Amino acid sequence: MITSPTDFPVIARADLPALSTEEMVEVDRLMIEVYGIQLMQMMENAGRNLADLAQAMLAGEALERPVLILAGRGGNGGGGLVAARHLANRGADVQVILSRPMEDFRGVPAHQLDILLNMGVSVTTAGDGWELPSADLIIDALIGYGLSGAPSGTTAGLIQLANSHPAAILALDAPSGLDAGGGRVYHPHIRAAATLTLALPKSGLYAAPEATGALFLADISAPPALYDDLDIDLPPIFARSPILRIA
C-alpha cells in the first residue's frame, strides 16, 4: 500500500512533454471521437487516481478521516465527485461542497452527483457567510484547465476559505485560479500542497510552483498512439504506476 505521496514512482520533468490548453482539448476529443473512450471513463479514472493520492496524503489511512471536496459543475468537479465516492467507500468521512446549486449540474457530473446522493454522502451548496468545517484534507475540484479569467462569486469565496483552512489542499488537474495553459495566476487562486494533473502536464503548471505544490501525473487511459496525432513521441509512461511524481 502507498502510505506517502513520496512513495509514487518518479518521472523527470524533462521526460514529459507539456500540453497547451488547446492540445488538451484535442486529447479529450481524440479519446472520445477516435478511440471511443467516453467522458464517464476518463472521469472515473481521474477520480479513482485522485482518491488514491488523497489516501496517500492521509498516510495511507482513509478510515474515519474527514475530507472536504470542493466541486464545480464541470468535468473537473465530476472528477472530484468520483473521488468522493471512492473515499467514502474506503470509510472516509466525506463532505462535498458544491459551488453551484445541484440543479445546475448536467450530464456526467450530474450523474456522479446523483450517485453520491444515493449513497447518502453529505452534499451541501456553499452560500454567503458560509464556513468550511474541519477536515484533514481538502480536495480542490472547482475549475480545472478550463479556467477563463479570475474566479468570482461562490467559487472565489470557496478558494479563499480553502486557503485559510489549516488542512492541506490537493488540487485536481490544476489549482483553481491558475491558467494551466499560460501560467497566469489569478486572484484568488488555490495554494495547493499537491496537484494531480491528468494525461500529461499542462504547460502553465510549471510557472507557478507556489500554487501547484508537489506535482503528480495520473493516467486517464489515453493511448500512447493518440499522441502521434499531436506529433508527440511518448512511450508508455505509466508502465510502473497509474500515478507518477514529477520531479
C-alpha atoms as a PDB file:
ATOM      1  CA  MET A   1       0.000   0.000   0.000  1.00  0.00           C
ATOM      2  CA  ILE A   2       1.152   3.533  -0.812  1.00  0.00           C
ATOM      3  CA  THR A   3       1.294   5.388   2.504  1.00  0.00           C
ATOM      4  CA  SER A   4       3.053   8.576   1.414  1.00  0.00           C
ATOM      5  CA  PRO A   5       2.996  10.749  -1.738  1.00  0.00           C
ATOM      6  CA  THR A   6       6.752  10.269  -1.962  1.00  0.00           C
ATOM      7  CA  ASP A   7       6.213   6.528  -2.481  1.00  0.00           C
ATOM      8  CA  PHE A   8       4.927   7.008  -6.027  1.00  0.00           C
ATOM      9  CA  PRO A   9       7.451   6.389  -8.830  1.00  0.00           C
ATOM     10  CA  VAL A  10       9.245   9.485 -10.058  1.00  0.00           C
ATOM     11  CA  ILE A  11       9.355  10.754 -13.624  1.00  0.00           C
ATOM     12  CA  ALA A  12      11.646  13.592 -14.649  1.00  0.00           C
ATOM     13  CA  ARG A  13      10.063  16.769 -15.905  1.00  0.00           C
ATOM     14  CA  ALA A  14      12.469  16.703 -18.828  1.00  0.00           C
ATOM     15  CA  ASP A  15      10.967  13.384 -19.970  1.00  0.00           C
ATOM     16  CA  LEU A  16       7.438  14.792 -20.190  1.00  0.00           C
ATOM     17  CA  PRO A  17       6.030  16.999 -22.931  1.00  0.00           C
ATOM     18  CA  ALA A  18       3.724  19.747 -21.641  1.00  0.00           C
ATOM     19  CA  LEU A  19       0.418  20.434 -23.345  1.00  0.00           C
ATOM     20  CA  SER A  20      -1.265  23.716 -24.127  1.00  0.00           C
ATOM     21  CA  THR A  21      -4.933  24.091 -23.276  1.00  0.00           C
ATOM     22  CA  GLU A  22      -5.770  23.658 -26.958  1.00  0.00           C
ATOM     23  CA  GLU A  23      -3.788  20.425 -27.118  1.00  0.00           C
ATOM     24  CA  MET A  24      -5.540  19.081 -24.035  1.00  0.00           C
ATOM     25  CA  VAL A  25      -8.910  19.835 -25.611  1.00  0.00           C
ATOM     26  CA  GLU A  26      -7.735  17.882 -28.657  1.00  0.00           C
ATOM     27  CA  VAL A  27      -6.627  14.965 -26.466  1.00  0.00           C
ATOM     28  CA  ASP A  28     -10.124  14.822 -24.974  1.00  0.00           C
ATOM     29  CA  ARG A  29     -11.677  14.980 -28.448  1.00  0.00           C
ATOM     30  CA  LEU A  30      -9.499  12.203 -29.850  1.00  0.00           C
ATOM     31  CA  MET A  31     -10.188   9.962 -26.873  1.00  0.00           C
ATOM     32  CA  ILE A  32     -13.935  10.285 -27.390  1.00  0.00           C
ATOM     33  CA  GLU A  33     -14.274  10.506 -31.170  1.00  0.00           C
ATOM     34  CA  VAL A  34     -11.426   8.285 -32.365  1.00  0.00           C
ATOM     35  CA  TYR A  35     -10.840   5.798 -29.545  1.00  0.00           C
ATOM     36  CA  GLY A  36     -14.327   5.652 -28.067  1.00  0.00           C
ATOM     37  CA  ILE A  37     -13.102   6.362 -24.537  1.00  0.00           C
ATOM     38  CA  GLN A  38     -16.012   8.327 -23.139  1.00  0.00           C
ATOM     39  CA  LEU A  39     -16.065  11.142 -20.593  1.00  0.00           C
ATOM     40  CA  MET A  40     -17.562   8.800 -17.999  1.00  0.00           C
ATOM     41  CA  GLN A  41     -14.499   6.540 -18.269  1.00  0.00           C
ATOM     42  CA  MET A  42     -11.993   9.394 -18.182  1.00  0.00           C
ATOM     43  CA  MET A  43     -13.723  10.918 -15.174  1.00  0.00           C
ATOM     44  CA  GLU A  44     -13.741   7.589 -13.351  1.00  0.00           C
ATOM     45  CA  ASN A  45     -10.013   7.112 -13.952  1.00  0.00           C
ATOM     46  CA  ALA A  46      -9.248  10.664 -12.828  1.00  0.00           C
ATOM     47  CA  GLY A  47     -11.362  10.398  -9.682  1.00  0.00           C
ATOM     48  CA  ARG A  48     -10.046   6.997  -8.631  1.00  0.00           C
ATOM     49  CA  ASN A  49      -6.449   8.174  -9.006  1.00  0.00           C
ATOM     50  CA  LEU A  50      -7.318  11.343  -7.100  1.00  0.00           C
ATOM     51  CA  ALA A  51      -8.699   9.229  -4.258  1.00  0.00           C
ATOM     52  CA  ASP A  52      -5.506   7.140  -4.243  1.00  0.00           C
ATOM     53  CA  LEU A  53      -3.297  10.235  -3.955  1.00  0.00           C
ATOM     54  CA  ALA A  54      -5.602  11.692  -1.310  1.00  0.00           C
ATOM     55  CA  GLN A  55      -5.308   8.499   0.728  1.00  0.00           C
ATOM     56  CA  ALA A  56      -1.511   8.637   0.408  1.00  0.00           C
ATOM     57  CA  MET A  57      -1.614  12.214   1.719  1.00  0.00           C
ATOM     58  CA  LEU A  58      -3.543  10.822   4.702  1.00  0.00           C
ATOM     59  CA  ALA A  59      -0.641   8.452   5.431  1.00  0.00           C
ATOM     60  CA  GLY A  60      -2.482   5.596   3.736  1.00  0.00           C
ATOM     61  CA  GLU A  61      -5.423   5.622   6.148  1.00  0.00           C
ATOM     62  CA  ALA A  62      -8.782   6.895   4.888  1.00  0.00           C
ATOM     63  CA  LEU A  63     -10.984   5.290   7.542  1.00  0.00           C
ATOM     64  CA  GLU A  64     -12.902   7.954   9.513  1.00  0.00           C
ATOM     65  CA  ARG A  65     -10.642  10.723   8.195  1.00  0.00           C
ATOM     66  CA  PRO A  66     -12.621  13.924   7.441  1.00  0.00           C
ATOM     67  CA  VAL A  67     -12.165  15.039   3.830  1.00  0.00           C
ATOM     68  CA  LEU A  68     -13.746  18.068   2.151  1.00  0.00           C
ATOM     69  CA  ILE A  69     -14.262  18.047  -1.595  1.00  0.00           C
ATOM     70  CA  LEU A  70     -14.958  21.385  -3.283  1.00  0.00           C
ATOM     71  CA  ALA A  71     -16.647  20.679  -6.606  1.00  0.00           C
ATOM     72  CA  GLY A  72     -17.699  22.800  -9.543  1.00  0.00           C
ATOM     73  CA  ARG A  73     -20.335  21.740 -12.037  1.00  0.00           C
ATOM     74  CA  GLY A  74     -17.953  20.861 -14.915  1.00  0.00           C
ATOM     75  CA  GLY A  75     -15.721  17.930 -15.711  1.00  0.00           C
ATOM     76  CA  ASN A  76     -13.191  18.843 -13.025  1.00  0.00           C
ATOM     77  CA  GLY A  77     -15.953  18.845 -10.437  1.00  0.00           C
ATOM     78  CA  GLY A  78     -17.145  15.498 -11.752  1.00  0.00           C
ATOM     79  CA  GLY A  79     -13.703  14.024 -11.136  1.00  0.00           C
ATOM     80  CA  GLY A  80     -13.858  15.337  -7.583  1.00  0.00           C
ATOM     81  CA  LEU A  81     -17.258  13.700  -7.111  1.00  0.00           C
ATOM     82  CA  VAL A  82     -15.844  10.357  -8.277  1.00  0.00           C
ATOM     83  CA  ALA A  83     -13.034  10.736  -5.737  1.00  0.00           C
ATOM     84  CA  ALA A  84     -15.654  11.473  -3.080  1.00  0.00           C
ATOM     85  CA  ARG A  85     -17.341   8.152  -3.853  1.00  0.00           C
ATOM     86  CA  HIS A  86     -14.119   6.158  -3.684  1.00  0.00           C
ATOM     87  CA  LEU A  87     -13.030   7.809  -0.444  1.00  0.00           C
ATOM     88  CA  ALA A  88     -16.467   7.272   1.101  1.00  0.00           C
ATOM     89  CA  ASN A  89     -16.280   3.602   0.112  1.00  0.00           C
ATOM     90  CA  ARG A  90     -12.941   3.416   1.941  1.00  0.00           C
ATOM     91  CA  GLY A  91     -14.527   4.716   5.119  1.00  0.00           C
ATOM     92  CA  ALA A  92     -13.556   8.376   4.962  1.00  0.00           C
ATOM     93  CA  ASP A  93     -15.880  10.987   6.442  1.00  0.00           C
ATOM     94  CA  VAL A  94     -16.529  12.797   3.157  1.00  0.00           C
ATOM     95  CA  GLN A  95     -18.297  16.122   2.824  1.00  0.00           C
ATOM     96  CA  VAL A  96     -18.882  17.585  -0.638  1.00  0.00           C
ATOM     97  CA  ILE A  97     -19.262  21.346  -1.011  1.00  0.00           C
ATOM     98  CA  LEU A  98     -20.722  22.488  -4.335  1.00  0.00           C
ATOM     99  CA  SER A  99     -20.004  25.890  -5.860  1.00  0.00           C
ATOM    100  CA  ARG A 100     -23.338  25.849  -7.701  1.00  0.00           C
ATOM    101  CA  PRO A 101     -26.834  24.580  -6.854  1.00  0.00           C
ATOM    102  CA  MET A 102     -27.438  20.891  -7.558  1.00  0.00           C
ATOM    103  CA  GLU A 103     -29.949  21.684 -10.301  1.00  0.00           C
ATOM    104  CA  ASP A 104     -27.193  23.441 -12.294  1.00  0.00           C
ATOM    105  CA  PHE A 105     -25.310  20.168 -12.782  1.00  0.00           C
ATOM    106  CA  ARG A 106     -25.747  18.479 -16.169  1.00  0.00           C
ATOM    107  CA  GLY A 107     -24.536  15.398 -18.000  1.00  0.00           C
ATOM    108  CA  VAL A 108     -21.850  13.178 -16.482  1.00  0.00           C
ATOM    109  CA  PRO A 109     -21.130  15.436 -13.471  1.00  0.00           C
ATOM    110  CA  ALA A 110     -24.851  15.350 -12.620  1.00  0.00           C
ATOM    111  CA  HIS A 111     -24.761  11.556 -12.836  1.00  0.00           C
ATOM    112  CA  GLN A 112     -21.811  11.440 -10.423  1.00  0.00           C
ATOM    113  CA  LEU A 113     -23.655  13.770  -8.066  1.00  0.00           C
ATOM    114  CA  ASP A 114     -26.734  11.540  -8.135  1.00  0.00           C
ATOM    115  CA  ILE A 115     -24.618   8.543  -7.158  1.00  0.00           C
ATOM    116  CA  LEU A 116     -23.318  10.364  -4.084  1.00  0.00           C
ATOM    117  CA  LEU A 117     -26.819  11.404  -3.090  1.00  0.00           C
ATOM    118  CA  ASN A 118     -27.999   7.802  -3.469  1.00  0.00           C
ATOM    119  CA  MET A 119     -25.110   6.718  -1.236  1.00  0.00           C
ATOM    120  CA  GLY A 120     -26.059   9.225   1.447  1.00  0.00           C
ATOM    121  CA  VAL A 121     -22.801  11.171   1.185  1.00  0.00           C
ATOM    122  CA  SER A 122     -23.083  14.681   2.644  1.00  0.00           C
ATOM    123  CA  VAL A 123     -23.521  17.212  -0.165  1.00  0.00           C
ATOM    124  CA  THR A 124     -24.002  20.937   0.520  1.00  0.00           C
ATOM    125  CA  THR A 125     -24.140  24.010  -1.692  1.00  0.00           C
ATOM    126  CA  ALA A 126     -21.979  26.852  -0.395  1.00  0.00           C
ATOM    127  CA  GLY A 127     -23.594  30.222   0.221  1.00  0.00           C
ATOM    128  CA  ASP A 128     -22.987  33.671   1.647  1.00  0.00           C
ATOM    129  CA  GLY A 129     -21.444  33.666   5.107  1.00  0.00           C
ATOM    130  CA  TRP A 130     -20.554  30.005   4.744  1.00  0.00           C
ATOM    131  CA  GLU A 131     -17.551  28.486   6.541  1.00  0.00           C
ATOM    132  CA  LEU A 132     -15.702  25.267   5.837  1.00  0.00           C
ATOM    133  CA  PRO A 133     -15.968  22.561   8.512  1.00  0.00           C
ATOM    134  CA  SER A 134     -12.895  20.936   9.997  1.00  0.00           C
ATOM    135  CA  ALA A 135     -11.048  18.396   7.861  1.00  0.00           C
ATOM    136  CA  ASP A 136      -7.732  16.588   7.477  1.00  0.00           C
ATOM    137  CA  LEU A 137      -7.611  17.216   3.713  1.00  0.00           C
ATOM    138  CA  ILE A 138      -9.324  19.473   1.168  1.00  0.00           C
ATOM    139  CA  ILE A 139      -9.695  18.450  -2.468  1.00  0.00           C
ATOM    140  CA  ASP A 140      -9.988  21.304  -4.971  1.00  0.00           C
ATOM    141  CA  ALA A 141     -12.135  20.233  -7.932  1.00  0.00           C
ATOM    142  CA  LEU A 142     -13.684  23.609  -8.681  1.00  0.00           C
ATOM    143  CA  ILE A 143     -12.393  24.660 -12.104  1.00  0.00           C
ATOM    144  CA  GLY A 144      -9.516  22.722 -13.739  1.00  0.00           C
ATOM    145  CA  TYR A 145      -7.841  23.555 -17.043  1.00  0.00           C
ATOM    146  CA  GLY A 146     -10.968  25.201 -18.484  1.00  0.00           C
ATOM    147  CA  LEU A 147     -10.410  28.410 -16.493  1.00  0.00           C
ATOM    148  CA  SER A 148     -11.315  31.639 -18.318  1.00  0.00           C
ATOM    149  CA  GLY A 149     -10.496  34.684 -16.197  1.00  0.00           C
ATOM    150  CA  ALA A 150     -10.361  35.225 -12.482  1.00  0.00           C
ATOM    151  CA  PRO A 151     -12.653  33.116 -10.283  1.00  0.00           C
ATOM    152  CA  SER A 152     -15.640  35.012  -8.951  1.00  0.00           C
ATOM    153  CA  GLY A 153     -18.721  34.611  -6.784  1.00  0.00           C
ATOM    154  CA  THR A 154     -19.084  31.485  -4.698  1.00  0.00           C
ATOM    155  CA  THR A 155     -16.087  29.828  -6.362  1.00  0.00           C
ATOM    156  CA  ALA A 156     -13.812  32.705  -5.337  1.00  0.00           C
ATOM    157  CA  GLY A 157     -15.200  32.535  -1.815  1.00  0.00           C
ATOM    158  CA  LEU A 158     -14.503  28.804  -1.549  1.00  0.00           C
ATOM    159  CA  ILE A 159     -10.936  29.327  -2.791  1.00  0.00           C
ATOM    160  CA  GLN A 160     -10.327  31.918  -0.101  1.00  0.00           C
ATOM    161  CA  LEU A 161     -11.851  29.703   2.587  1.00  0.00           C
ATOM    162  CA  ALA A 162      -9.741  26.739   1.481  1.00  0.00           C
ATOM    163  CA  ASN A 163      -6.539  28.769   1.578  1.00  0.00           C
ATOM    164  CA  SER A 164      -7.279  29.960   5.118  1.00  0.00           C
ATOM    165  CA  HIS A 165      -8.122  26.430   6.329  1.00  0.00           C
ATOM    166  CA  PRO A 166      -5.437  24.517   8.260  1.00  0.00           C
ATOM    167  CA  ALA A 167      -5.872  21.376   6.127  1.00  0.00           C
ATOM    168  CA  ALA A 168      -3.600  20.662   3.168  1.00  0.00           C
ATOM    169  CA  ILE A 169      -5.163  21.126  -0.284  1.00  0.00           C
ATOM    170  CA  LEU A 170      -4.952  18.601  -3.116  1.00  0.00           C
ATOM    171  CA  ALA A 171      -5.895  20.117  -6.499  1.00  0.00           C
ATOM    172  CA  LEU A 172      -7.259  18.132  -9.436  1.00  0.00           C
ATOM    173  CA  ASP A 173      -5.566  18.806 -12.794  1.00  0.00           C
ATOM    174  CA  ALA A 174      -4.724  22.448 -11.928  1.00  0.00           C
ATOM    175  CA  PRO A 175      -5.229  24.609  -8.849  1.00  0.00           C
ATOM    176  CA  SER A 176      -8.389  26.670  -9.315  1.00  0.00           C
ATOM    177  CA  GLY A 177      -7.403  30.197 -10.314  1.00  0.00           C
ATOM    178  CA  LEU A 178      -4.279  29.147 -12.231  1.00  0.00           C
ATOM    179  CA  ASP A 179      -4.340  29.312 -16.026  1.00  0.00           C
ATOM    180  CA  ALA A 180      -2.946  25.844 -16.685  1.00  0.00           C
ATOM    181  CA  GLY A 181      -2.101  26.674 -20.291  1.00  0.00           C
ATOM    182  CA  GLY A 182      -0.426  30.061 -19.946  1.00  0.00           C
ATOM    183  CA  GLY A 183       0.691  30.023 -16.322  1.00  0.00           C
ATOM    184  CA  ARG A 184      -1.098  33.208 -15.267  1.00  0.00           C
ATOM    185  CA  VAL A 185      -2.052  33.217 -11.607  1.00  0.00           C
ATOM    186  CA  TYR A 186      -5.338  34.974 -10.910  1.00  0.00           C
ATOM    187  CA  HIS A 187      -6.676  36.327  -7.645  1.00  0.00           C
ATOM    188  CA  PRO A 188      -7.885  34.383  -5.822  1.00  0.00           C
ATOM    189  CA  HIS A 189      -6.200  31.075  -6.577  1.00  0.00           C
ATOM    190  CA  ILE A 190      -5.752  27.837  -4.697  1.00  0.00           C
ATOM    191  CA  ARG A 191      -2.418  27.357  -2.947  1.00  0.00           C
ATOM    192  CA  ALA A 192      -2.172  23.590  -3.107  1.00  0.00           C
ATOM    193  CA  ALA A 193       0.146  21.275  -1.225  1.00  0.00           C
ATOM    194  CA  ALA A 194      -0.097  18.936  -4.221  1.00  0.00           C
ATOM    195  CA  THR A 195      -1.667  18.877  -7.668  1.00  0.00           C
ATOM    196  CA  LEU A 196      -2.680  15.762  -9.602  1.00  0.00           C
ATOM    197  CA  THR A 197      -2.676  16.674 -13.275  1.00  0.00           C
ATOM    198  CA  LEU A 198      -4.135  14.355 -15.898  1.00  0.00           C
ATOM    199  CA  ALA A 199      -2.780  12.616 -19.015  1.00  0.00           C
ATOM    200  CA  LEU A 200       0.186  14.998 -19.452  1.00  0.00           C
ATOM    201  CA  PRO A 201       1.258  18.160 -17.628  1.00  0.00           C
ATOM    202  CA  LYS A 202      -0.187  21.447 -18.822  1.00  0.00           C
ATOM    203  CA  SER A 203       2.435  23.990 -19.834  1.00  0.00           C
ATOM    204  CA  GLY A 204       1.387  26.605 -17.266  1.00  0.00           C
ATOM    205  CA  LEU A 205       1.733  24.332 -14.237  1.00  0.00           C
ATOM    206  CA  TYR A 206       5.499  24.709 -14.083  1.00  0.00           C
ATOM    207  CA  ALA A 207       5.257  28.509 -13.939  1.00  0.00           C
ATOM    208  CA  ALA A 208       3.587  28.682 -10.514  1.00  0.00           C
ATOM    209  CA  PRO A 209       5.055  26.150  -8.041  1.00  0.00           C
ATOM    210  CA  GLU A 210       3.670  28.204  -5.154  1.00  0.00           C
ATOM    211  CA  ALA A 211       0.183  27.378  -6.436  1.00  0.00           C
ATOM    212  CA  THR A 212       0.666  23.771  -7.560  1.00  0.00           C
ATOM    213  CA  GLY A 213       2.788  22.419  -4.711  1.00  0.00           C
ATOM    214  CA  ALA A 214       4.158  18.929  -5.389  1.00  0.00           C
ATOM    215  CA  LEU A 215       3.158  17.849  -8.886  1.00  0.00           C
ATOM    216  CA  PHE A 216       1.790  14.413  -9.762  1.00  0.00           C
ATOM    217  CA  LEU A 217       0.575  12.905 -13.029  1.00  0.00           C
ATOM    218  CA  ALA A 218      -2.310  10.439 -13.425  1.00  0.00           C
ATOM    219  CA  ASP A 219      -3.255   8.040 -16.193  1.00  0.00           C
ATOM    220  CA  ILE A 220      -6.750   8.581 -17.595  1.00  0.00           C
ATOM    221  CA  SER A 221      -6.192   5.807 -20.203  1.00  0.00           C
ATOM    222  CA  ALA A 222      -5.105   7.992 -23.128  1.00  0.00           C
ATOM    223  CA  PRO A 223      -3.412   5.558 -25.555  1.00  0.00           C
ATOM    224  CA  PRO A 224       0.200   6.479 -26.391  1.00  0.00           C
ATOM    225  CA  ALA A 225      -0.722   6.224 -30.079  1.00  0.00           C
ATOM    226  CA  LEU A 226      -3.138   9.112 -29.592  1.00  0.00           C
ATOM    227  CA  TYR A 227      -0.214  11.473 -29.124  1.00  0.00           C
ATOM    228  CA  ASP A 228       1.106  10.576 -32.586  1.00  0.00           C
ATOM    229  CA  ASP A 229      -1.732  12.717 -33.944  1.00  0.00           C
ATOM    230  CA  LEU A 230      -0.232  15.641 -31.992  1.00  0.00           C
ATOM    231  CA  ASP A 231       3.316  14.854 -33.188  1.00  0.00           C
ATOM    232  CA  ILE A 232       4.275  13.879 -29.640  1.00  0.00           C
ATOM    233  CA  ASP A 233       6.550  10.872 -29.209  1.00  0.00           C
ATOM    234  CA  LEU A 234       5.500   9.317 -25.915  1.00  0.00           C
ATOM    235  CA  PRO A 235       6.376   5.864 -24.570  1.00  0.00           C
ATOM    236  CA  PRO A 236       4.086   4.024 -22.106  1.00  0.00           C
ATOM    237  CA  ILE A 237       4.987   6.326 -19.211  1.00  0.00           C
ATOM    238  CA  PHE A 238       2.536   4.679 -16.799  1.00  0.00           C
ATOM    239  CA  ALA A 239       4.165   1.246 -17.030  1.00  0.00           C
ATOM    240  CA  ARG A 240       5.217   1.402 -13.359  1.00  0.00           C
ATOM    241  CA  SER A 241       2.162   3.067 -11.844  1.00  0.00           C
ATOM    242  CA  PRO A 242      -1.019   4.952 -12.822  1.00  0.00           C
ATOM    243  CA  ILE A 243       0.255   7.839 -10.675  1.00  0.00           C
ATOM    244  CA  LEU A 244       3.718   9.348 -11.099  1.00  0.00           C
ATOM    245  CA  ARG A 245       5.508  12.025  -9.108  1.00  0.00           C
ATOM    246  CA  ILE A 246       7.025  14.700 -11.341  1.00  0.00           C
ATOM    247  CA  ALA A 247      10.479  15.866 -10.292  1.00  0.00           C
END
